[in-house]
């Protein structure tokens, strides 16, 4: 009889304590930057929107990479491709909705 090995390798990698702490510190710093820019009120509206948007995008990337361990390695490639497909669908859905609402507003509010 052959010896059967019953352990299952899911391919999921777990982060180290260092990566979790680094992710936490970066997330807190990004939150404080966005909060500070909004609360100080010394900046233009456009600059506040840009800072909040950029820090939000960076925060999402930090969370995905350091906490959820999303990467492009061979065994995790399907997770990455699923994420790319989800982002593409969301961009099309939200962008299309905003485009339709803008044109509806422009055409309905004439005169």
PDB file of N, CA and C in Angstrom:
ATOM      1  N   UNK A   1       0.830  -1.173   0.000  1.00  0.00           N
ATOM      2  CA  UNK A   1       0.000   0.000   0.000  1.00  0.00           C
ATOM      3  C   UNK A   1       0.877   1.239   0.000  1.00  0.00           C
ATOM      4  N   UNK A   2       0.442   2.183  -0.744  1.00  0.00           N
ATOM      5  CA  UNK A   2       1.202   3.421  -0.801  1.00  0.00           C
ATOM      6  C   UNK A   2       0.754   4.360   0.313  1.00  0.00           C
ATOM      7  N   UNK A   3       1.684   5.151   0.717  1.00  0.00           N
ATOM      8  CA  UNK A   3       1.400   6.118   1.765  1.00  0.00           C
ATOM      9  C   UNK A   3       0.756   7.354   1.127  1.00  0.00           C
ATOM     10  N   UNK A   4      -0.471   7.645   1.507  1.00  0.00           N
ATOM     11  CA  UNK A   4      -1.204   8.779   0.932  1.00  0.00           C
ATOM     12  C   UNK A   4      -1.080   9.965   1.868  1.00  0.00           C
ATOM     13  N   UNK A   5      -0.692  11.097   1.288  1.00  0.00           N
ATOM     14  CA  UNK A   5      -0.542  12.322   2.071  1.00  0.00           C
ATOM     15  C   UNK A   5      -1.849  13.103   1.996  1.00  0.00           C
ATOM     16  N   UNK A   6      -2.522  13.309   3.132  1.00  0.00           N
ATOM     17  CA  UNK A   6      -3.847  13.915   3.146  1.00  0.00           C
ATOM     18  C   UNK A   6      -3.845  15.425   3.342  1.00  0.00           C
ATOM     19  N   UNK A   7      -2.707  16.058   3.418  1.00  0.00           N
ATOM     20  CA  UNK A   7      -2.734  17.504   3.618  1.00  0.00           C
ATOM     21  C   UNK A   7      -3.062  18.190   2.299  1.00  0.00           C
ATOM     22  N   UNK A   8      -3.829  19.249   2.407  1.00  0.00           N
ATOM     23  CA  UNK A   8      -4.261  19.983   1.226  1.00  0.00           C
ATOM     24  C   UNK A   8      -3.587  21.348   1.238  1.00  0.00           C
ATOM     25  N   UNK A   9      -2.915  21.678   0.139  1.00  0.00           N
ATOM     26  CA  UNK A   9      -2.283  22.983   0.002  1.00  0.00           C
ATOM     27  C   UNK A   9      -3.194  23.854  -0.850  1.00  0.00           C
ATOM     28  N   UNK A  10      -3.735  24.897  -0.243  1.00  0.00           N
ATOM     29  CA  UNK A  10      -4.667  25.760  -0.967  1.00  0.00           C
ATOM     30  C   UNK A  10      -3.949  26.808  -1.788  1.00  0.00           C
ATOM     31  N   UNK A  11      -2.664  26.985  -1.579  1.00  0.00           N
ATOM     32  CA  UNK A  11      -1.920  27.972  -2.334  1.00  0.00           C
ATOM     33  C   UNK A  11      -2.037  29.373  -1.767  1.00  0.00           C
ATOM     34  N   UNK A  12      -2.833  29.538  -0.719  1.00  0.00           N
ATOM     35  CA  UNK A  12      -3.019  30.861  -0.125  1.00  0.00           C
ATOM     36  C   UNK A  12      -1.854  31.167   0.794  1.00  0.00           C
ATOM     37  N   UNK A  13      -1.258  32.315   0.595  1.00  0.00           N
ATOM     38  CA  UNK A  13      -0.151  32.703   1.449  1.00  0.00           C
ATOM     39  C   UNK A  13      -0.647  33.636   2.536  1.00  0.00           C
ATOM     40  N   UNK A  14      -0.117  33.476   3.697  1.00  0.00           N
ATOM     41  CA  UNK A  14      -0.487  34.334   4.811  1.00  0.00           C
ATOM     42  C   UNK A  14       0.663  35.290   5.072  1.00  0.00           C
ATOM     43  N   UNK A  15       0.299  36.517   5.416  1.00  0.00           N
ATOM     44  CA  UNK A  15       1.306  37.537   5.647  1.00  0.00           C
ATOM     45  C   UNK A  15       1.967  37.394   6.998  1.00  0.00           C
ATOM     46  N   UNK A  16       3.055  38.099   7.134  1.00  0.00           N
ATOM     47  CA  UNK A  16       3.768  38.103   8.399  1.00  0.00           C
ATOM     48  C   UNK A  16       3.224  39.237   9.266  1.00  0.00           C
ATOM     49  N   UNK A  17       3.619  39.220  10.520  1.00  0.00           N
ATOM     50  CA  UNK A  17       3.210  40.286  11.432  1.00  0.00           C
ATOM     51  C   UNK A  17       3.730  41.632  10.926  1.00  0.00           C
ATOM     52  N   UNK A  18       4.932  41.617  10.358  1.00  0.00           N
ATOM     53  CA  UNK A  18       5.522  42.857   9.835  1.00  0.00           C
ATOM     54  C   UNK A  18       4.660  43.448   8.717  1.00  0.00           C
ATOM     55  N   UNK A  19       4.177  42.619   7.790  1.00  0.00           N
ATOM     56  CA  UNK A  19       3.357  43.136   6.691  1.00  0.00           C
ATOM     57  C   UNK A  19       2.031  43.685   7.192  1.00  0.00           C
ATOM     58  N   UNK A  20       1.462  43.043   8.220  1.00  0.00           N
ATOM     59  CA  UNK A  20       0.203  43.550   8.790  1.00  0.00           C
ATOM     60  C   UNK A  20       0.415  44.885   9.497  1.00  0.00           C
ATOM     61  N   UNK A  21       1.509  45.015  10.224  1.00  0.00           N
ATOM     62  CA  UNK A  21       1.792  46.267  10.930  1.00  0.00           C
ATOM     63  C   UNK A  21       2.078  47.386   9.933  1.00  0.00           C
ATOM     64  N   UNK A  22       2.850  47.088   8.883  1.00  0.00           N
ATOM     65  CA  UNK A  22       3.135  48.082   7.854  1.00  0.00           C
ATOM     66  C   UNK A  22       1.838  48.516   7.173  1.00  0.00           C
ATOM     67  N   UNK A  23       0.982  47.568   6.854  1.00  0.00           N
ATOM     68  CA  UNK A  23      -0.308  47.894   6.244  1.00  0.00           C
ATOM     69  C   UNK A  23      -1.169  48.750   7.149  1.00  0.00           C
ATOM     70  N   UNK A  24      -1.179  48.437   8.441  1.00  0.00           N
ATOM     71  CA  UNK A  24      -1.959  49.221   9.392  1.00  0.00           C
ATOM     72  C   UNK A  24      -1.432  50.652   9.495  1.00  0.00           C
ATOM     73  N   UNK A  25      -0.123  50.797   9.576  1.00  0.00           N
ATOM     74  CA  UNK A  25       0.470  52.133   9.687  1.00  0.00           C
ATOM     75  C   UNK A  25       0.194  52.959   8.424  1.00  0.00           C
ATOM     76  N   UNK A  26       0.349  52.347   7.259  1.00  0.00           N
ATOM     77  CA  UNK A  26       0.077  53.067   6.012  1.00  0.00           C
ATOM     78  C   UNK A  26      -1.394  53.447   5.923  1.00  0.00           C
ATOM     79  N   UNK A  27      -2.285  52.544   6.296  1.00  0.00           N
ATOM     80  CA  UNK A  27      -3.717  52.837   6.254  1.00  0.00           C
ATOM     81  C   UNK A  27      -4.085  53.981   7.189  1.00  0.00           C
ATOM     82  N   UNK A  28      -3.533  53.971   8.387  1.00  0.00           N
ATOM     83  CA  UNK A  28      -3.814  55.055   9.338  1.00  0.00           C
ATOM     84  C   UNK A  28      -3.264  56.377   8.811  1.00  0.00           C
ATOM     85  N   UNK A  29      -2.049  56.353   8.253  1.00  0.00           N
ATOM     86  CA  UNK A  29      -1.455  57.581   7.714  1.00  0.00           C
ATOM     87  C   UNK A  29      -2.286  58.139   6.565  1.00  0.00           C
ATOM     88  N   UNK A  30      -2.741  57.287   5.666  1.00  0.00           N
ATOM     89  CA  UNK A  30      -3.561  57.749   4.548  1.00  0.00           C
ATOM     90  C   UNK A  30      -4.889  58.321   5.023  1.00  0.00           C
ATOM     91  N   UNK A  31      -5.481  57.686   6.021  1.00  0.00           N
ATOM     92  CA  UNK A  31      -6.733  58.198   6.578  1.00  0.00           C
ATOM     93  C   UNK A  31      -6.525  59.557   7.226  1.00  0.00           C
ATOM     94  N   UNK A  32      -5.434  59.707   7.962  1.00  0.00           N
ATOM     95  CA  UNK A  32      -5.152  60.988   8.606  1.00  0.00           C
ATOM     96  C   UNK A  32      -4.866  62.089   7.588  1.00  0.00           C
ATOM     97  N   UNK A  33      -4.188  61.764   6.502  1.00  0.00           N
ATOM     98  CA  UNK A  33      -3.922  62.756   5.456  1.00  0.00           C
ATOM     99  C   UNK A  33      -5.238  63.243   4.846  1.00  0.00           C
ATOM    100  N   UNK A  34      -6.094  62.318   4.463  1.00  0.00           N
ATOM    101  CA  UNK A  34      -7.378  62.709   3.864  1.00  0.00           C
ATOM    102  C   UNK A  34      -8.230  63.496   4.859  1.00  0.00           C
ATOM    103  N   UNK A  35      -8.291  63.044   6.095  1.00  0.00           N
ATOM    104  CA  UNK A  35      -9.075  63.724   7.123  1.00  0.00           C
ATOM    105  C   UNK A  35      -8.522  65.128   7.377  1.00  0.00           C
ATOM    106  N   UNK A  36      -7.202  65.248   7.454  1.00  0.00           N
ATOM    107  CA  UNK A  36      -6.579  66.542   7.709  1.00  0.00           C
ATOM    108  C   UNK A  36      -6.836  67.541   6.592  1.00  0.00           C
ATOM    109  N   UNK A  37      -6.748  67.086   5.346  1.00  0.00           N
ATOM    110  CA  UNK A  37      -6.982  67.982   4.211  1.00  0.00           C
ATOM    111  C   UNK A  37      -8.426  68.484   4.214  1.00  0.00           C
ATOM    112  N   UNK A  38      -9.354  67.614   4.521  1.00  0.00           N
ATOM    113  CA  UNK A  38     -10.764  68.016   4.534  1.00  0.00           C
ATOM    114  C   UNK A  38     -11.061  68.927   5.722  1.00  0.00           C
ATOM    115  N   UNK A  39     -10.538  68.607   6.882  1.00  0.00           N
ATOM    116  CA  UNK A  39     -10.864  69.376   8.081  1.00  0.00           C
ATOM    117  C   UNK A  39     -10.163  70.735   8.131  1.00  0.00           C
ATOM    118  N   UNK A  40      -8.993  70.865   7.522  1.00  0.00           N
ATOM    119  CA  UNK A  40      -8.302  72.150   7.558  1.00  0.00           C
ATOM    120  C   UNK A  40      -9.047  73.189   6.736  1.00  0.00           C
ATOM    121  N   UNK A  41      -9.620  72.809   5.630  1.00  0.00           N
ATOM    122  CA  UNK A  41     -10.409  73.717   4.820  1.00  0.00           C
ATOM    123  C   UNK A  41      -9.608  74.803   4.129  1.00  0.00           C
ATOM    124  N   UNK A  42      -8.298  74.764   4.183  1.00  0.00           N
ATOM    125  CA  UNK A  42      -7.458  75.786   3.557  1.00  0.00           C
ATOM    126  C   UNK A  42      -7.225  75.530   2.075  1.00  0.00           C
ATOM    127  N   UNK A  43      -7.693  74.407   1.587  1.00  0.00           N
ATOM    128  CA  UNK A  43      -7.431  74.020   0.211  1.00  0.00           C
ATOM    129  C   UNK A  43      -8.679  74.206  -0.637  1.00  0.00           C
ATOM    130  N   UNK A  44      -8.489  74.273  -1.946  1.00  0.00           N
ATOM    131  CA  UNK A  44      -9.632  74.409  -2.850  1.00  0.00           C
ATOM    132  C   UNK A  44     -10.437  73.103  -2.859  1.00  0.00           C
ATOM    133  N   UNK A  45     -11.663  73.221  -3.307  1.00  0.00           N
ATOM    134  CA  UNK A  45     -12.538  72.045  -3.364  1.00  0.00           C
ATOM    135  C   UNK A  45     -11.939  70.979  -4.282  1.00  0.00           C
ATOM    136  N   UNK A  46     -11.408  71.399  -5.419  1.00  0.00           N
ATOM    137  CA  UNK A  46     -10.818  70.447  -6.368  1.00  0.00           C
ATOM    138  C   UNK A  46      -9.634  69.708  -5.757  1.00  0.00           C
ATOM    139  N   UNK A  47      -8.772  70.427  -5.047  1.00  0.00           N
ATOM    140  CA  UNK A  47      -7.615  69.790  -4.419  1.00  0.00           C
ATOM    141  C   UNK A  47      -8.046  68.794  -3.342  1.00  0.00           C
ATOM    142  N   UNK A  48      -9.066  69.149  -2.573  1.00  0.00           N
ATOM    143  CA  UNK A  48      -9.567  68.209  -1.556  1.00  0.00           C
ATOM    144  C   UNK A  48     -10.107  66.944  -2.189  1.00  0.00           C
ATOM    145  N   UNK A  49     -10.869  67.092  -3.280  1.00  0.00           N
ATOM    146  CA  UNK A  49     -11.411  65.916  -3.973  1.00  0.00           C
ATOM    147  C   UNK A  49     -10.284  65.052  -4.522  1.00  0.00           C
ATOM    148  N   UNK A  50      -9.281  65.680  -5.104  1.00  0.00           N
ATOM    149  CA  UNK A  50      -8.149  64.928  -5.666  1.00  0.00           C
ATOM    150  C   UNK A  50      -7.397  64.180  -4.567  1.00  0.00           C
ATOM    151  N   UNK A  51      -7.116  64.856  -3.449  1.00  0.00           N
ATOM    152  CA  UNK A  51      -6.376  64.215  -2.349  1.00  0.00           C
ATOM    153  C   UNK A  51      -7.165  63.043  -1.771  1.00  0.00           C
ATOM    154  N   UNK A  52      -8.455  63.239  -1.542  1.00  0.00           N
ATOM    155  CA  UNK A  52      -9.272  62.155  -0.985  1.00  0.00           C
ATOM    156  C   UNK A  52      -9.355  60.988  -1.960  1.00  0.00           C
ATOM    157  N   UNK A  53      -9.506  61.268  -3.242  1.00  0.00           N
ATOM    158  CA  UNK A  53      -9.587  60.199  -4.242  1.00  0.00           C
ATOM    159  C   UNK A  53      -8.277  59.425  -4.340  1.00  0.00           C
ATOM    160  N   UNK A  54      -7.168  60.136  -4.391  1.00  0.00           N
ATOM    161  CA  UNK A  54      -5.863  59.466  -4.506  1.00  0.00           C
ATOM    162  C   UNK A  54      -5.566  58.640  -3.250  1.00  0.00           C
ATOM    163  N   UNK A  55      -5.818  59.201  -2.074  1.00  0.00           N
ATOM    164  CA  UNK A  55      -5.562  58.433  -0.853  1.00  0.00           C
ATOM    165  C   UNK A  55      -6.499  57.227  -0.750  1.00  0.00           C
ATOM    166  N   UNK A  56      -7.723  57.356  -1.252  1.00  0.00           N
ATOM    167  CA  UNK A  56      -8.649  56.212  -1.236  1.00  0.00           C
ATOM    168  C   UNK A  56      -8.161  55.100  -2.160  1.00  0.00           C
ATOM    169  N   UNK A  57      -7.681  55.458  -3.326  1.00  0.00           N
ATOM    170  CA  UNK A  57      -7.172  54.453  -4.267  1.00  0.00           C
ATOM    171  C   UNK A  57      -5.939  53.756  -3.691  1.00  0.00           C
ATOM    172  N   UNK A  58      -5.033  54.540  -3.112  1.00  0.00           N
ATOM    173  CA  UNK A  58      -3.841  53.945  -2.496  1.00  0.00           C
ATOM    174  C   UNK A  58      -4.244  53.043  -1.329  1.00  0.00           C
ATOM    175  N   UNK A  59      -5.231  53.480  -0.551  1.00  0.00           N
ATOM    176  CA  UNK A  59      -5.702  52.683   0.583  1.00  0.00           C
ATOM    177  C   UNK A  59      -6.272  51.332   0.116  1.00  0.00           C
ATOM    178  N   UNK A  60      -7.029  51.341  -0.978  1.00  0.00           N
ATOM    179  CA  UNK A  60      -7.575  50.090  -1.515  1.00  0.00           C
ATOM    180  C   UNK A  60      -6.443  49.164  -1.951  1.00  0.00           C
ATOM    181  N   UNK A  61      -5.444  49.719  -2.614  1.00  0.00           N
ATOM    182  CA  UNK A  61      -4.313  48.893  -3.046  1.00  0.00           C
ATOM    183  C   UNK A  61      -3.548  48.327  -1.851  1.00  0.00           C
ATOM    184  N   UNK A  62      -3.334  49.136  -0.817  1.00  0.00           N
ATOM    185  CA  UNK A  62      -2.650  48.659   0.394  1.00  0.00           C
ATOM    186  C   UNK A  62      -3.444  47.518   1.019  1.00  0.00           C
ATOM    187  N   UNK A  63      -4.754  47.690   1.127  1.00  0.00           N
ATOM    188  CA  UNK A  63      -5.593  46.649   1.736  1.00  0.00           C
ATOM    189  C   UNK A  63      -5.549  45.358   0.912  1.00  0.00           C
ATOM    190  N   UNK A  64      -5.627  45.489  -0.410  1.00  0.00           N
ATOM    191  CA  UNK A  64      -5.633  44.295  -1.257  1.00  0.00           C
ATOM    192  C   UNK A  64      -4.295  43.568  -1.228  1.00  0.00           C
ATOM    193  N   UNK A  65      -3.213  44.303  -1.227  1.00  0.00           N
ATOM    194  CA  UNK A  65      -1.892  43.668  -1.304  1.00  0.00           C
ATOM    195  C   UNK A  65      -1.417  43.172   0.058  1.00  0.00           C
ATOM    196  N   UNK A  66      -1.503  44.024   1.085  1.00  0.00           N
ATOM    197  CA  UNK A  66      -0.922  43.661   2.382  1.00  0.00           C
ATOM    198  C   UNK A  66      -1.865  42.845   3.273  1.00  0.00           C
ATOM    199  N   UNK A  67      -3.169  43.055   3.163  1.00  0.00           N
ATOM    200  CA  UNK A  67      -4.093  42.320   4.030  1.00  0.00           C
ATOM    201  C   UNK A  67      -4.745  41.135   3.326  1.00  0.00           C
ATOM    202  N   UNK A  68      -5.115  41.299   2.064  1.00  0.00           N
ATOM    203  CA  UNK A  68      -5.797  40.221   1.351  1.00  0.00           C
ATOM    204  C   UNK A  68      -4.853  39.411   0.471  1.00  0.00           C
ATOM    205  N   UNK A  69      -3.573  39.822   0.408  1.00  0.00           N
ATOM    206  CA  UNK A  69      -2.515  39.086  -0.283  1.00  0.00           C
ATOM    207  C   UNK A  69      -2.826  38.825  -1.753  1.00  0.00           C
ATOM    208  N   UNK A  70      -3.380  39.822  -2.432  1.00  0.00           N
ATOM    209  CA  UNK A  70      -3.648  39.699  -3.857  1.00  0.00           C
ATOM    210  C   UNK A  70      -2.347  39.929  -4.617  1.00  0.00           C
ATOM    211  N   UNK A  71      -1.976  38.952  -5.427  1.00  0.00           N
ATOM    212  CA  UNK A  71      -0.764  39.088  -6.230  1.00  0.00           C
ATOM    213  C   UNK A  71      -0.957  38.388  -7.567  1.00  0.00           C
ATOM    214  N   UNK A  72       0.053  38.440  -8.398  1.00  0.00           N
ATOM    215  CA  UNK A  72      -0.063  37.891  -9.751  1.00  0.00           C
ATOM    216  C   UNK A  72       0.702  36.587  -9.926  1.00  0.00           C
ATOM    217  N   UNK A  73       1.042  35.910  -8.832  1.00  0.00           N
ATOM    218  CA  UNK A  73       1.745  34.629  -8.953  1.00  0.00           C
ATOM    219  C   UNK A  73       0.863  33.604  -9.666  1.00  0.00           C
ATOM    220  N   UNK A  74       1.482  32.568 -10.174  1.00  0.00           N
ATOM    221  CA  UNK A  74       0.752  31.573 -10.957  1.00  0.00           C
ATOM    222  C   UNK A  74      -0.433  30.980 -10.212  1.00  0.00           C
ATOM    223  N   UNK A  75      -0.245  30.569  -8.960  1.00  0.00           N
ATOM    224  CA  UNK A  75      -1.341  29.924  -8.238  1.00  0.00           C
ATOM    225  C   UNK A  75      -2.432  30.909  -7.832  1.00  0.00           C
ATOM    226  N   UNK A  76      -2.078  32.179  -7.739  1.00  0.00           N
ATOM    227  CA  UNK A  76      -3.075  33.181  -7.381  1.00  0.00           C
ATOM    228  C   UNK A  76      -3.519  33.992  -8.589  1.00  0.00           C
ATOM    229  N   UNK A  77      -3.144  33.593  -9.758  1.00  0.00           N
ATOM    230  CA  UNK A  77      -3.484  34.330 -10.967  1.00  0.00           C
ATOM    231  C   UNK A  77      -4.976  34.442 -11.198  1.00  0.00           C
ATOM    232  N   UNK A  78      -5.725  33.407 -10.836  1.00  0.00           N
ATOM    233  CA  UNK A  78      -7.171  33.451 -11.035  1.00  0.00           C
ATOM    234  C   UNK A  78      -7.812  34.485 -10.130  1.00  0.00           C
ATOM    235  N   UNK A  79      -7.310  34.607  -8.923  1.00  0.00           N
ATOM    236  CA  UNK A  79      -7.850  35.634  -8.028  1.00  0.00           C
ATOM    237  C   UNK A  79      -7.596  37.020  -8.598  1.00  0.00           C
ATOM    238  N   UNK A  80      -6.411  37.244  -9.132  1.00  0.00           N
ATOM    239  CA  UNK A  80      -6.079  38.533  -9.719  1.00  0.00           C
ATOM    240  C   UNK A  80      -6.938  38.812 -10.947  1.00  0.00           C
ATOM    241  N   UNK A  81      -7.110  37.815 -11.791  1.00  0.00           N
ATOM    242  CA  UNK A  81      -7.936  38.006 -12.987  1.00  0.00           C
ATOM    243  C   UNK A  81      -9.394  38.256 -12.610  1.00  0.00           C
ATOM    244  N   UNK A  82      -9.892  37.604 -11.579  1.00  0.00           N
ATOM    245  CA  UNK A  82     -11.255  37.865 -11.102  1.00  0.00           C
ATOM    246  C   UNK A  82     -11.376  39.300 -10.620  1.00  0.00           C
ATOM    247  N   UNK A  83     -10.353  39.772  -9.933  1.00  0.00           N
ATOM    248  CA  UNK A  83     -10.356  41.142  -9.442  1.00  0.00           C
ATOM    249  C   UNK A  83     -10.353  42.137 -10.599  1.00  0.00           C
ATOM    250  N   UNK A  84      -9.529  41.892 -11.611  1.00  0.00           N
ATOM    251  CA  UNK A  84      -9.468  42.783 -12.775  1.00  0.00           C
ATOM    252  C   UNK A  84     -10.820  42.809 -13.489  1.00  0.00           C
ATOM    253  N   UNK A  85     -11.438  41.654 -13.647  1.00  0.00           N
ATOM    254  CA  UNK A  85     -12.751  41.589 -14.292  1.00  0.00           C
ATOM    255  C   UNK A  85     -13.797  42.346 -13.472  1.00  0.00           C
ATOM    256  N   UNK A  86     -13.768  42.192 -12.155  1.00  0.00           N
ATOM    257  CA  UNK A  86     -14.709  42.903 -11.284  1.00  0.00           C
ATOM    258  C   UNK A  86     -14.526  44.408 -11.399  1.00  0.00           C
ATOM    259  N   UNK A  87     -13.286  44.873 -11.396  1.00  0.00           N
ATOM    260  CA  UNK A  87     -13.020  46.308 -11.532  1.00  0.00           C
ATOM    261  C   UNK A  87     -13.516  46.807 -12.886  1.00  0.00           C
ATOM    262  N   UNK A  88     -13.286  46.046 -13.942  1.00  0.00           N
ATOM    263  CA  UNK A  88     -13.733  46.463 -15.272  1.00  0.00           C
ATOM    264  C   UNK A  88     -15.254  46.574 -15.327  1.00  0.00           C
ATOM    265  N   UNK A  89     -15.951  45.612 -14.759  1.00  0.00           N
ATOM    266  CA  UNK A  89     -17.420  45.663 -14.744  1.00  0.00           C
ATOM    267  C   UNK A  89     -17.901  46.857 -13.929  1.00  0.00           C
ATOM    268  N   UNK A  90     -17.290  47.108 -12.781  1.00  0.00           N
ATOM    269  CA  UNK A  90     -17.690  48.247 -11.955  1.00  0.00           C
ATOM    270  C   UNK A  90     -17.435  49.577 -12.658  1.00  0.00           C
ATOM    271  N   UNK A  91     -16.296  49.703 -13.325  1.00  0.00           N
ATOM    272  CA  UNK A  91     -15.997  50.941 -14.051  1.00  0.00           C
ATOM    273  C   UNK A  91     -17.024  51.156 -15.166  1.00  0.00           C
ATOM    274  N   UNK A  92     -17.341  50.111 -15.910  1.00  0.00           N
ATOM    275  CA  UNK A  92     -18.345  50.237 -16.964  1.00  0.00           C
ATOM    276  C   UNK A  92     -19.718  50.573 -16.398  1.00  0.00           C
ATOM    277  N   UNK A  93     -20.091  49.924 -15.314  1.00  0.00           N
ATOM    278  CA  UNK A  93     -21.409  50.153 -14.717  1.00  0.00           C
ATOM    279  C   UNK A  93     -21.535  51.557 -14.143  1.00  0.00           C
ATOM    280  N   UNK A  94     -20.572  51.972 -13.342  1.00  0.00           N
ATOM    281  CA  UNK A  94     -20.623  53.295 -12.724  1.00  0.00           C
ATOM    282  C   UNK A  94     -20.416  54.383 -13.778  1.00  0.00           C
ATOM    283  N   UNK A  95     -19.434  54.207 -14.649  1.00  0.00           N
ATOM    284  CA  UNK A  95     -19.190  55.198 -15.702  1.00  0.00           C
ATOM    285  C   UNK A  95     -20.375  55.341 -16.635  1.00  0.00           C
ATOM    286  N   UNK A  96     -20.964  54.235 -17.055  1.00  0.00           N
ATOM    287  CA  UNK A  96     -22.142  54.287 -17.920  1.00  0.00           C
ATOM    288  C   UNK A  96     -23.328  54.936 -17.235  1.00  0.00           C
ATOM    289  N   UNK A  97     -23.524  54.636 -15.971  1.00  0.00           N
ATOM    290  CA  UNK A  97     -24.621  55.249 -15.227  1.00  0.00           C
ATOM    291  C   UNK A  97     -24.440  56.754 -15.101  1.00  0.00           C
ATOM    292  N   UNK A  98     -23.221  57.180 -14.788  1.00  0.00           N
ATOM    293  CA  UNK A  98     -22.960  58.624 -14.682  1.00  0.00           C
ATOM    294  C   UNK A  98     -23.139  59.311 -16.030  1.00  0.00           C
ATOM    295  N   UNK A  99     -22.703  58.670 -17.095  1.00  0.00           N
ATOM    296  CA  UNK A  99     -22.848  59.242 -18.428  1.00  0.00           C
ATOM    297  C   UNK A  99     -24.328  59.386 -18.797  1.00  0.00           C
ATOM    298  N   UNK A 100     -25.117  58.354 -18.524  1.00  0.00           N
ATOM    299  CA  UNK A 100     -26.553  58.396 -18.814  1.00  0.00           C
ATOM    300  C   UNK A 100     -27.239  59.474 -17.975  1.00  0.00           C
ATOM    301  N   UNK A 101     -26.904  59.546 -16.678  1.00  0.00           N
ATOM    302  CA  UNK A 101     -27.531  60.555 -15.823  1.00  0.00           C
ATOM    303  C   UNK A 101     -27.159  61.968 -16.253  1.00  0.00           C
ATOM    304  N   UNK A 102     -25.918  62.158 -16.677  1.00  0.00           N
ATOM    305  CA  UNK A 102     -25.499  63.477 -17.147  1.00  0.00           C
ATOM    306  C   UNK A 102     -26.299  63.888 -18.385  1.00  0.00           C
ATOM    307  N   UNK A 103     -26.440  62.977 -19.335  1.00  0.00           N
ATOM    308  CA  UNK A 103     -27.176  63.309 -20.551  1.00  0.00           C
ATOM    309  C   UNK A 103     -28.658  63.458 -20.272  1.00  0.00           C
ATOM    310  N   UNK A 104     -29.214  62.684 -19.367  1.00  0.00           N
ATOM    311  CA  UNK A 104     -30.614  62.878 -18.993  1.00  0.00           C
ATOM    312  C   UNK A 104     -30.815  64.254 -18.372  1.00  0.00           C
ATOM    313  N   UNK A 105     -29.923  64.639 -17.505  1.00  0.00           N
ATOM    314  CA  UNK A 105     -30.019  65.957 -16.856  1.00  0.00           C
ATOM    315  C   UNK A 105     -29.889  67.072 -17.891  1.00  0.00           C
ATOM    316  N   UNK A 106     -28.943  66.934 -18.801  1.00  0.00           N
ATOM    317  CA  UNK A 106     -28.743  67.960 -19.827  1.00  0.00           C
ATOM    318  C   UNK A 106     -29.937  68.072 -20.755  1.00  0.00           C
ATOM    319  N   UNK A 107     -30.556  66.964 -21.095  1.00  0.00           N
ATOM    320  CA  UNK A 107     -31.685  66.989 -22.023  1.00  0.00           C
ATOM    321  C   UNK A 107     -33.014  67.320 -21.356  1.00  0.00           C
ATOM    322  N   UNK A 108     -33.157  67.031 -20.090  1.00  0.00           N
ATOM    323  CA  UNK A 108     -34.428  67.288 -19.398  1.00  0.00           C
ATOM    324  C   UNK A 108     -34.497  68.701 -18.831  1.00  0.00           C
ATOM    325  N   UNK A 109     -33.381  69.345 -18.628  1.00  0.00           N
ATOM    326  CA  UNK A 109     -33.363  70.659 -18.003  1.00  0.00           C
ATOM    327  C   UNK A 109     -33.164  71.779 -19.012  1.00  0.00           C
ATOM    328  N   UNK A 110     -33.650  71.619 -20.196  1.00  0.00           N
ATOM    329  CA  UNK A 110     -33.494  72.656 -21.221  1.00  0.00           C
ATOM    330  C   UNK A 110     -34.448  73.814 -20.919  1.00  0.00           C
ATOM    331  N   UNK A 111     -33.954  75.021 -21.151  1.00  0.00           N
ATOM    332  CA  UNK A 111     -34.810  76.207 -21.006  1.00  0.00           C
ATOM    333  C   UNK A 111     -34.845  76.624 -19.645  1.00  0.00           C
TER     334      UNK A 111
END
